[in-house]
């Protein structure tokens, strides 16, 4: 084997690194998207167990509600990790802080409307069989809409304006 012709023991230290730095962390985005995808699969198992051959009841009961709410929690956490990775070393804006709180508020709304029967607030309180009714579905959808608005507020739009050279 021939010895290297470069006299420096670590040639990369003497050279100018010309690779462009990314304004985000790829590893954190991948990790967050992986958590989000896992959460989506758990959400699907709870919302539509028939897709996986797990449907045992004609109604949506407690276990299914709890399962899709756990999946929704993973979606929220993964979405938050992915969106905050776009900020990298910058301080998040006030809109991003409000977005985080909207994600959390939307999840709380989804949990309390989804589990309304379990908490004694629904139309089928315990000791009866909890049933996921139309009003509960609307409440969970409303919570999911608030989560989506919060995640959109976490996007650092100022970076994209700067990269596209758009006027402020």
N, C-alpha and C. Protein backbone atom coordinates (compact mmCIF):
# COMPACT_ATOMS: atom_id res chain seq x y z
N UNK A 1 0.83 -1.18 0.00
CA UNK A 1 0.00 0.00 0.00
C UNK A 1 0.87 1.24 0.00
N UNK A 2 0.51 2.18 -0.77
CA UNK A 2 1.24 3.44 -0.85
C UNK A 2 0.75 4.39 0.23
N UNK A 3 1.64 5.14 0.85
CA UNK A 3 1.21 6.12 1.84
C UNK A 3 0.49 7.28 1.15
N UNK A 4 -0.37 7.96 1.86
CA UNK A 4 -1.09 9.09 1.23
C UNK A 4 -0.11 10.20 0.85
N UNK A 5 -0.40 10.86 -0.24
CA UNK A 5 0.48 11.92 -0.74
C UNK A 5 0.21 13.25 -0.05
N UNK A 6 -0.88 13.38 0.64
CA UNK A 6 -1.20 14.62 1.33
C UNK A 6 -0.35 14.70 2.59
N UNK A 7 0.43 15.78 2.79
CA UNK A 7 1.32 15.85 3.94
C UNK A 7 0.58 16.03 5.27
N UNK A 8 -0.62 16.56 5.26
CA UNK A 8 -1.35 16.79 6.51
C UNK A 8 -1.97 15.49 7.00
N UNK A 9 -1.90 15.20 8.31
CA UNK A 9 -2.47 13.95 8.80
C UNK A 9 -4.00 13.91 8.69
N UNK A 10 -4.63 15.04 8.75
CA UNK A 10 -6.09 15.12 8.61
C UNK A 10 -6.40 16.11 7.49
N UNK A 11 -6.44 15.63 6.28
CA UNK A 11 -6.54 16.55 5.15
C UNK A 11 -7.83 17.38 5.15
N UNK A 12 -8.87 16.91 5.77
CA UNK A 12 -10.12 17.67 5.75
C UNK A 12 -10.04 18.92 6.60
N UNK A 13 -9.11 18.95 7.56
CA UNK A 13 -8.99 20.13 8.40
C UNK A 13 -8.34 21.29 7.67
N UNK A 14 -7.52 20.99 6.68
CA UNK A 14 -6.81 22.05 5.96
C UNK A 14 -7.60 22.58 4.77
N UNK A 15 -8.63 21.90 4.39
CA UNK A 15 -9.39 22.30 3.21
C UNK A 15 -10.60 23.13 3.61
N UNK A 16 -11.02 23.94 2.68
CA UNK A 16 -12.22 24.74 2.89
C UNK A 16 -13.42 23.83 2.64
N UNK A 17 -14.30 23.71 3.63
CA UNK A 17 -15.50 22.88 3.46
C UNK A 17 -16.51 23.66 2.64
N UNK A 18 -16.81 23.15 1.46
CA UNK A 18 -17.71 23.86 0.55
C UNK A 18 -19.12 23.30 0.57
N UNK A 19 -19.40 22.33 1.42
CA UNK A 19 -20.76 21.80 1.47
C UNK A 19 -21.67 22.83 2.14
N UNK A 20 -22.82 23.08 1.54
CA UNK A 20 -23.72 24.08 2.13
C UNK A 20 -24.34 23.54 3.43
N UNK A 21 -24.46 24.41 4.40
CA UNK A 21 -25.11 24.01 5.65
C UNK A 21 -26.61 24.10 5.47
N UNK A 22 -27.29 23.15 6.01
CA UNK A 22 -28.75 23.11 5.91
C UNK A 22 -29.35 23.95 7.03
N UNK A 23 -30.45 24.60 6.73
CA UNK A 23 -31.09 25.41 7.78
C UNK A 23 -31.96 24.57 8.71
N UNK A 24 -31.81 23.25 8.67
CA UNK A 24 -32.61 22.37 9.51
C UNK A 24 -31.83 21.10 9.80
N UNK A 25 -32.29 20.33 10.76
CA UNK A 25 -31.62 19.09 11.15
C UNK A 25 -32.35 17.91 10.51
N UNK A 26 -31.71 17.27 9.57
CA UNK A 26 -32.34 16.13 8.88
C UNK A 26 -32.66 14.99 9.83
N UNK A 27 -31.76 14.72 10.77
CA UNK A 27 -31.94 13.60 11.69
C UNK A 27 -33.19 13.81 12.56
N UNK A 28 -33.36 15.01 13.07
CA UNK A 28 -34.53 15.29 13.91
C UNK A 28 -35.81 15.24 13.09
N UNK A 29 -35.76 15.70 11.86
CA UNK A 29 -36.95 15.65 11.00
C UNK A 29 -37.31 14.20 10.72
N UNK A 30 -36.33 13.37 10.39
CA UNK A 30 -36.61 11.95 10.14
C UNK A 30 -37.16 11.27 11.38
N UNK A 31 -36.58 11.56 12.53
CA UNK A 31 -37.05 10.98 13.79
C UNK A 31 -38.50 11.40 14.05
N UNK A 32 -38.79 12.67 13.89
CA UNK A 32 -40.15 13.16 14.11
C UNK A 32 -41.15 12.56 13.13
N UNK A 33 -40.76 12.45 11.88
CA UNK A 33 -41.66 11.85 10.89
C UNK A 33 -41.87 10.36 11.15
N UNK A 34 -40.85 9.68 11.65
CA UNK A 34 -41.01 8.27 12.01
C UNK A 34 -42.02 8.11 13.15
N UNK A 35 -41.91 8.97 14.15
CA UNK A 35 -42.87 8.93 15.26
C UNK A 35 -44.28 9.24 14.75
N UNK A 36 -44.38 10.21 13.85
CA UNK A 36 -45.68 10.58 13.28
C UNK A 36 -46.28 9.41 12.50
N UNK A 37 -45.47 8.74 11.70
CA UNK A 37 -45.96 7.59 10.93
C UNK A 37 -46.41 6.46 11.85
N UNK A 38 -45.63 6.20 12.90
CA UNK A 38 -46.03 5.18 13.88
C UNK A 38 -47.37 5.58 14.53
N UNK A 39 -47.50 6.85 14.89
CA UNK A 39 -48.74 7.32 15.47
C UNK A 39 -49.91 7.19 14.53
N UNK A 40 -49.67 7.43 13.24
CA UNK A 40 -50.74 7.27 12.26
C UNK A 40 -51.19 5.82 12.16
N UNK A 41 -50.25 4.89 12.21
CA UNK A 41 -50.63 3.47 12.19
C UNK A 41 -51.43 3.08 13.42
N UNK A 42 -51.02 3.56 14.60
CA UNK A 42 -51.77 3.29 15.82
C UNK A 42 -53.15 3.93 15.74
N UNK A 43 -53.20 5.16 15.20
CA UNK A 43 -54.48 5.85 15.02
C UNK A 43 -55.40 5.04 14.10
N UNK A 44 -54.85 4.52 13.01
CA UNK A 44 -55.67 3.71 12.09
C UNK A 44 -56.16 2.42 12.75
N UNK A 45 -55.32 1.80 13.57
CA UNK A 45 -55.75 0.59 14.27
C UNK A 45 -56.94 0.90 15.16
N UNK A 46 -56.93 2.06 15.82
CA UNK A 46 -58.04 2.43 16.68
C UNK A 46 -59.26 2.89 15.91
N UNK A 47 -59.07 3.68 14.86
CA UNK A 47 -60.20 4.23 14.12
C UNK A 47 -60.82 3.22 13.15
N UNK A 48 -60.00 2.45 12.48
CA UNK A 48 -60.48 1.47 11.50
C UNK A 48 -59.79 0.13 11.70
N UNK A 49 -60.14 -0.60 12.75
CA UNK A 49 -59.46 -1.89 12.99
C UNK A 49 -59.76 -2.92 11.90
N UNK A 50 -60.81 -2.73 11.15
CA UNK A 50 -61.14 -3.65 10.07
C UNK A 50 -60.08 -3.68 8.98
N UNK A 51 -59.33 -2.60 8.82
CA UNK A 51 -58.25 -2.57 7.83
C UNK A 51 -57.15 -3.57 8.15
N UNK A 52 -57.02 -3.92 9.43
CA UNK A 52 -55.99 -4.84 9.89
C UNK A 52 -56.57 -6.19 10.31
N UNK A 53 -57.87 -6.40 10.06
CA UNK A 53 -58.51 -7.65 10.44
C UNK A 53 -58.73 -7.77 11.94
N UNK A 54 -58.86 -6.65 12.65
CA UNK A 54 -59.00 -6.66 14.10
C UNK A 54 -60.38 -6.23 14.57
N UNK A 55 -61.33 -6.04 13.65
CA UNK A 55 -62.66 -5.55 14.03
C UNK A 55 -63.45 -6.65 14.71
N UNK A 56 -63.85 -6.38 15.96
CA UNK A 56 -64.59 -7.39 16.72
C UNK A 56 -65.96 -6.90 17.15
N UNK A 57 -66.29 -5.65 16.86
CA UNK A 57 -67.54 -5.08 17.35
C UNK A 57 -68.08 -4.10 16.31
N UNK A 58 -69.40 -4.01 16.21
CA UNK A 58 -69.97 -3.05 15.26
C UNK A 58 -69.90 -1.61 15.74
N UNK A 59 -69.65 -1.38 17.03
CA UNK A 59 -69.55 -0.02 17.57
C UNK A 59 -68.11 0.30 17.92
N UNK A 60 -67.84 1.58 18.06
CA UNK A 60 -66.52 2.02 18.49
C UNK A 60 -66.57 2.14 20.00
N UNK A 61 -65.86 1.28 20.70
CA UNK A 61 -65.88 1.25 22.15
C UNK A 61 -64.66 1.91 22.78
N UNK A 62 -64.51 1.66 24.07
CA UNK A 62 -63.46 2.31 24.86
C UNK A 62 -62.07 2.00 24.33
N UNK A 63 -61.79 0.75 24.02
CA UNK A 63 -60.44 0.37 23.59
C UNK A 63 -60.07 1.05 22.28
N UNK A 64 -61.02 1.10 21.35
CA UNK A 64 -60.75 1.75 20.08
C UNK A 64 -60.53 3.25 20.27
N UNK A 65 -61.35 3.88 21.10
CA UNK A 65 -61.20 5.31 21.36
C UNK A 65 -59.83 5.58 21.99
N UNK A 66 -59.48 4.79 23.00
CA UNK A 66 -58.19 4.98 23.67
C UNK A 66 -57.04 4.76 22.69
N UNK A 67 -57.17 3.78 21.80
CA UNK A 67 -56.10 3.48 20.85
C UNK A 67 -55.91 4.62 19.87
N UNK A 68 -57.00 5.15 19.30
CA UNK A 68 -56.78 6.22 18.33
C UNK A 68 -56.36 7.52 19.01
N UNK A 69 -56.70 7.70 20.28
CA UNK A 69 -56.21 8.89 20.99
C UNK A 69 -54.72 8.77 21.32
N UNK A 70 -54.26 7.58 21.62
CA UNK A 70 -52.81 7.37 21.81
C UNK A 70 -52.08 7.60 20.49
N UNK A 71 -52.65 7.11 19.40
CA UNK A 71 -52.05 7.36 18.08
C UNK A 71 -52.01 8.84 17.76
N UNK A 72 -53.07 9.56 18.11
CA UNK A 72 -53.10 11.00 17.89
C UNK A 72 -52.03 11.71 18.73
N UNK A 73 -51.77 11.20 19.92
CA UNK A 73 -50.70 11.77 20.76
C UNK A 73 -49.34 11.60 20.08
N UNK A 74 -49.08 10.42 19.53
CA UNK A 74 -47.82 10.20 18.82
C UNK A 74 -47.71 11.11 17.59
N UNK A 75 -48.83 11.32 16.89
CA UNK A 75 -48.83 12.21 15.74
C UNK A 75 -48.47 13.63 16.18
N UNK A 76 -49.04 14.08 17.28
CA UNK A 76 -48.75 15.43 17.79
C UNK A 76 -47.29 15.57 18.20
N UNK A 77 -46.77 14.58 18.90
CA UNK A 77 -45.37 14.64 19.36
C UNK A 77 -44.42 14.60 18.16
N UNK A 78 -44.67 13.69 17.24
CA UNK A 78 -43.80 13.60 16.05
C UNK A 78 -43.87 14.85 15.19
N UNK A 79 -45.06 15.40 15.04
CA UNK A 79 -45.21 16.64 14.27
C UNK A 79 -44.48 17.79 14.94
N UNK A 80 -44.56 17.87 16.26
CA UNK A 80 -43.86 18.92 16.99
C UNK A 80 -42.34 18.79 16.82
N UNK A 81 -41.82 17.56 16.95
CA UNK A 81 -40.37 17.34 16.79
C UNK A 81 -39.93 17.74 15.38
N UNK A 82 -40.70 17.34 14.38
CA UNK A 82 -40.33 17.66 12.99
C UNK A 82 -40.37 19.15 12.72
N UNK A 83 -41.40 19.81 13.19
CA UNK A 83 -41.53 21.24 12.93
C UNK A 83 -40.48 22.05 13.70
N UNK A 84 -40.18 21.65 14.92
CA UNK A 84 -39.17 22.39 15.68
C UNK A 84 -37.77 22.15 15.12
N UNK A 85 -37.56 21.04 14.42
CA UNK A 85 -36.27 20.81 13.78
C UNK A 85 -36.02 21.81 12.66
N UNK A 86 -37.07 22.35 12.09
CA UNK A 86 -36.90 23.36 11.05
C UNK A 86 -36.33 24.66 11.61
N UNK A 87 -36.51 24.89 12.91
CA UNK A 87 -36.00 26.11 13.53
C UNK A 87 -34.51 25.99 13.84
N UNK A 88 -34.00 24.78 13.97
CA UNK A 88 -32.62 24.42 14.28
C UNK A 88 -32.07 25.25 15.43
N UNK A 89 -31.21 26.21 15.19
CA UNK A 89 -30.55 26.96 16.26
C UNK A 89 -31.21 28.30 16.55
N UNK A 90 -32.29 28.59 15.87
CA UNK A 90 -32.96 29.87 16.06
C UNK A 90 -33.97 29.80 17.21
N UNK A 91 -34.26 30.95 17.74
CA UNK A 91 -35.30 31.05 18.76
C UNK A 91 -36.66 31.02 18.05
N UNK A 92 -37.58 30.13 18.48
CA UNK A 92 -38.89 30.08 17.83
C UNK A 92 -39.65 31.39 18.04
N UNK A 93 -40.46 31.73 17.07
CA UNK A 93 -41.23 32.97 17.14
C UNK A 93 -42.41 32.82 18.11
N UNK A 94 -43.06 33.93 18.35
CA UNK A 94 -44.24 33.90 19.22
C UNK A 94 -45.34 33.07 18.56
N UNK A 95 -45.46 33.16 17.25
CA UNK A 95 -46.46 32.36 16.55
C UNK A 95 -46.18 30.87 16.73
N UNK A 96 -44.91 30.48 16.73
CA UNK A 96 -44.56 29.07 16.95
C UNK A 96 -44.91 28.64 18.37
N UNK A 97 -44.68 29.53 19.34
CA UNK A 97 -45.07 29.20 20.72
C UNK A 97 -46.58 29.05 20.85
N UNK A 98 -47.31 29.92 20.20
CA UNK A 98 -48.78 29.80 20.21
C UNK A 98 -49.19 28.52 19.50
N UNK A 99 -48.49 28.18 18.41
CA UNK A 99 -48.80 26.94 17.70
C UNK A 99 -48.61 25.71 18.57
N UNK A 100 -47.55 25.70 19.37
CA UNK A 100 -47.33 24.58 20.30
C UNK A 100 -48.49 24.47 21.28
N UNK A 101 -48.93 25.59 21.79
CA UNK A 101 -50.04 25.56 22.74
C UNK A 101 -51.34 25.15 22.06
N UNK A 102 -51.51 25.51 20.79
CA UNK A 102 -52.70 25.07 20.06
C UNK A 102 -52.68 23.57 19.82
N UNK A 103 -51.50 23.01 19.55
CA UNK A 103 -51.39 21.56 19.38
C UNK A 103 -51.81 20.86 20.68
N UNK A 104 -51.29 21.35 21.80
CA UNK A 104 -51.64 20.75 23.09
C UNK A 104 -53.11 20.93 23.42
N UNK A 105 -53.65 22.12 23.15
CA UNK A 105 -55.07 22.37 23.42
C UNK A 105 -55.96 21.51 22.54
N UNK A 106 -55.60 21.38 21.27
CA UNK A 106 -56.38 20.53 20.37
C UNK A 106 -56.39 19.08 20.82
N UNK A 107 -55.25 18.61 21.33
CA UNK A 107 -55.20 17.23 21.82
C UNK A 107 -56.07 17.07 23.06
N UNK A 108 -56.05 18.04 23.96
CA UNK A 108 -56.90 17.97 25.16
C UNK A 108 -58.37 17.97 24.76
N UNK A 109 -58.73 18.79 23.78
CA UNK A 109 -60.12 18.80 23.31
C UNK A 109 -60.49 17.44 22.73
N UNK A 110 -59.59 16.86 21.93
CA UNK A 110 -59.86 15.55 21.33
C UNK A 110 -60.01 14.47 22.41
N UNK A 111 -59.16 14.51 23.42
CA UNK A 111 -59.24 13.50 24.49
C UNK A 111 -60.54 13.65 25.28
N UNK A 112 -60.87 14.85 25.68
CA UNK A 112 -62.06 15.02 26.51
C UNK A 112 -63.35 14.80 25.74
N UNK A 113 -63.38 15.10 24.45
CA UNK A 113 -64.60 14.79 23.70
C UNK A 113 -64.65 13.31 23.33
N UNK A 114 -63.50 12.71 23.04
CA UNK A 114 -63.48 11.29 22.71
C UNK A 114 -63.83 10.41 23.90
N UNK A 115 -63.37 10.81 25.08
CA UNK A 115 -63.61 10.03 26.30
C UNK A 115 -64.75 10.60 27.15
N UNK A 116 -65.65 11.34 26.53
CA UNK A 116 -66.72 11.99 27.29
C UNK A 116 -67.57 10.98 28.06
N UNK A 117 -67.87 9.85 27.48
CA UNK A 117 -68.66 8.83 28.18
C UNK A 117 -67.91 8.27 29.38
N UNK A 118 -66.61 8.08 29.22
CA UNK A 118 -65.80 7.55 30.32
C UNK A 118 -65.72 8.55 31.47
N UNK A 119 -65.65 9.83 31.13
CA UNK A 119 -65.58 10.87 32.15
C UNK A 119 -66.95 11.21 32.74
N UNK A 120 -68.01 10.61 32.21
CA UNK A 120 -69.36 10.86 32.72
C UNK A 120 -70.03 12.07 32.11
N UNK A 121 -69.49 12.57 31.00
CA UNK A 121 -70.04 13.76 30.36
C UNK A 121 -70.83 13.46 29.10
N UNK A 122 -70.76 12.25 28.60
CA UNK A 122 -71.39 11.90 27.33
C UNK A 122 -72.81 11.42 27.48
N UNK A 123 -73.37 10.96 26.38
CA UNK A 123 -74.76 10.49 26.38
C UNK A 123 -74.88 9.05 26.85
N UNK A 124 -73.76 8.33 26.98
CA UNK A 124 -73.76 6.95 27.47
C UNK A 124 -72.78 6.83 28.63
N UNK A 125 -73.05 7.46 29.78
CA UNK A 125 -72.07 7.42 30.87
C UNK A 125 -71.93 6.01 31.46
N UNK A 126 -70.83 5.82 32.16
CA UNK A 126 -70.58 4.54 32.83
C UNK A 126 -71.64 4.32 33.90
N UNK A 127 -72.07 3.17 34.22
CA UNK A 127 -71.54 1.85 33.94
C UNK A 127 -72.01 1.26 32.61
N UNK A 128 -72.71 2.05 31.81
CA UNK A 128 -73.10 1.56 30.48
C UNK A 128 -71.89 1.43 29.58
N UNK A 129 -72.11 0.85 28.43
CA UNK A 129 -71.03 0.66 27.47
C UNK A 129 -70.74 2.00 26.79
N UNK A 130 -69.49 2.49 26.87
CA UNK A 130 -69.17 3.74 26.18
C UNK A 130 -69.36 3.58 24.67
N UNK A 131 -69.93 4.59 24.07
CA UNK A 131 -70.23 4.56 22.65
C UNK A 131 -69.73 5.85 22.02
N UNK A 132 -69.01 5.76 20.95
CA UNK A 132 -68.47 6.93 20.26
C UNK A 132 -69.53 7.46 19.32
N UNK A 133 -70.23 8.49 19.75
CA UNK A 133 -71.34 9.03 18.98
C UNK A 133 -70.93 10.15 18.04
N UNK A 134 -71.95 10.74 17.41
CA UNK A 134 -71.72 11.78 16.41
C UNK A 134 -71.14 13.05 17.03
N UNK A 135 -71.64 13.43 18.22
CA UNK A 135 -71.13 14.63 18.86
C UNK A 135 -69.68 14.45 19.30
N UNK A 136 -69.37 13.26 19.75
CA UNK A 136 -67.98 13.00 20.12
C UNK A 136 -67.08 13.05 18.89
N UNK A 137 -67.55 12.51 17.78
CA UNK A 137 -66.77 12.54 16.54
C UNK A 137 -66.52 13.98 16.11
N UNK A 138 -67.54 14.82 16.22
CA UNK A 138 -67.36 16.24 15.86
C UNK A 138 -66.36 16.92 16.78
N UNK A 139 -66.41 16.59 18.06
CA UNK A 139 -65.46 17.18 19.00
C UNK A 139 -64.03 16.76 18.71
N UNK A 140 -63.83 15.48 18.38
CA UNK A 140 -62.48 15.00 18.05
C UNK A 140 -62.01 15.66 16.75
N UNK A 141 -62.90 15.80 15.77
CA UNK A 141 -62.53 16.47 14.53
C UNK A 141 -62.16 17.93 14.78
N UNK A 142 -62.90 18.59 15.66
CA UNK A 142 -62.59 19.98 16.01
C UNK A 142 -61.21 20.05 16.68
N UNK A 143 -60.92 19.12 17.58
CA UNK A 143 -59.60 19.08 18.21
C UNK A 143 -58.50 18.83 17.19
N UNK A 144 -58.75 17.96 16.23
CA UNK A 144 -57.76 17.70 15.20
C UNK A 144 -57.53 18.92 14.31
N UNK A 145 -58.58 19.68 14.05
CA UNK A 145 -58.43 20.91 13.26
C UNK A 145 -57.56 21.92 14.01
N UNK A 146 -57.74 22.02 15.31
CA UNK A 146 -56.92 22.94 16.10
C UNK A 146 -55.47 22.45 16.12
N UNK A 147 -55.27 21.14 16.20
CA UNK A 147 -53.91 20.58 16.13
C UNK A 147 -53.26 20.94 14.79
N UNK A 148 -54.01 20.81 13.70
CA UNK A 148 -53.47 21.12 12.37
C UNK A 148 -53.10 22.60 12.27
N UNK A 149 -53.93 23.48 12.79
CA UNK A 149 -53.62 24.92 12.77
C UNK A 149 -52.35 25.18 13.58
N UNK A 150 -52.24 24.53 14.73
CA UNK A 150 -51.05 24.70 15.56
C UNK A 150 -49.79 24.23 14.87
N UNK A 151 -49.86 23.10 14.19
CA UNK A 151 -48.69 22.60 13.47
C UNK A 151 -48.31 23.52 12.32
N UNK A 152 -49.29 24.11 11.66
CA UNK A 152 -48.99 25.06 10.59
C UNK A 152 -48.32 26.32 11.14
N UNK A 153 -48.68 26.70 12.36
CA UNK A 153 -48.06 27.87 12.97
C UNK A 153 -46.62 27.61 13.40
N UNK A 154 -46.23 26.35 13.51
CA UNK A 154 -44.85 26.01 13.89
C UNK A 154 -43.86 26.11 12.73
N UNK A 155 -44.35 26.27 11.52
CA UNK A 155 -43.46 26.34 10.35
C UNK A 155 -42.74 27.69 10.35
N UNK A 156 -41.41 27.70 10.18
CA UNK A 156 -40.66 28.98 10.12
C UNK A 156 -40.75 29.60 8.73
N UNK A 157 -41.83 30.30 8.46
CA UNK A 157 -42.06 30.86 7.13
C UNK A 157 -41.00 31.88 6.74
N UNK A 158 -40.41 32.58 7.70
CA UNK A 158 -39.41 33.59 7.37
C UNK A 158 -38.19 32.99 6.68
N UNK A 159 -37.84 31.75 7.00
CA UNK A 159 -36.70 31.10 6.33
C UNK A 159 -37.01 30.84 4.87
N UNK A 160 -38.22 30.45 4.58
CA UNK A 160 -38.57 30.15 3.20
C UNK A 160 -38.65 31.43 2.37
N UNK A 161 -39.10 32.52 2.98
CA UNK A 161 -39.10 33.79 2.28
C UNK A 161 -37.67 34.21 1.95
N UNK A 162 -36.77 34.03 2.92
CA UNK A 162 -35.38 34.42 2.73
C UNK A 162 -34.73 33.56 1.64
N UNK A 163 -35.01 32.26 1.62
CA UNK A 163 -34.41 31.37 0.63
C UNK A 163 -34.96 31.57 -0.76
N UNK A 164 -36.22 32.01 -0.86
CA UNK A 164 -36.82 32.25 -2.17
C UNK A 164 -36.60 33.68 -2.65
N UNK A 165 -35.99 34.52 -1.79
CA UNK A 165 -35.73 35.93 -2.11
C UNK A 165 -37.02 36.67 -2.38
N UNK A 166 -38.04 36.41 -1.57
CA UNK A 166 -39.30 37.13 -1.71
C UNK A 166 -39.26 38.37 -0.83
N UNK A 167 -39.94 39.42 -1.24
CA UNK A 167 -39.97 40.61 -0.39
C UNK A 167 -40.80 40.35 0.86
N UNK A 168 -40.45 41.02 1.96
CA UNK A 168 -41.18 40.87 3.21
C UNK A 168 -42.47 41.55 3.16
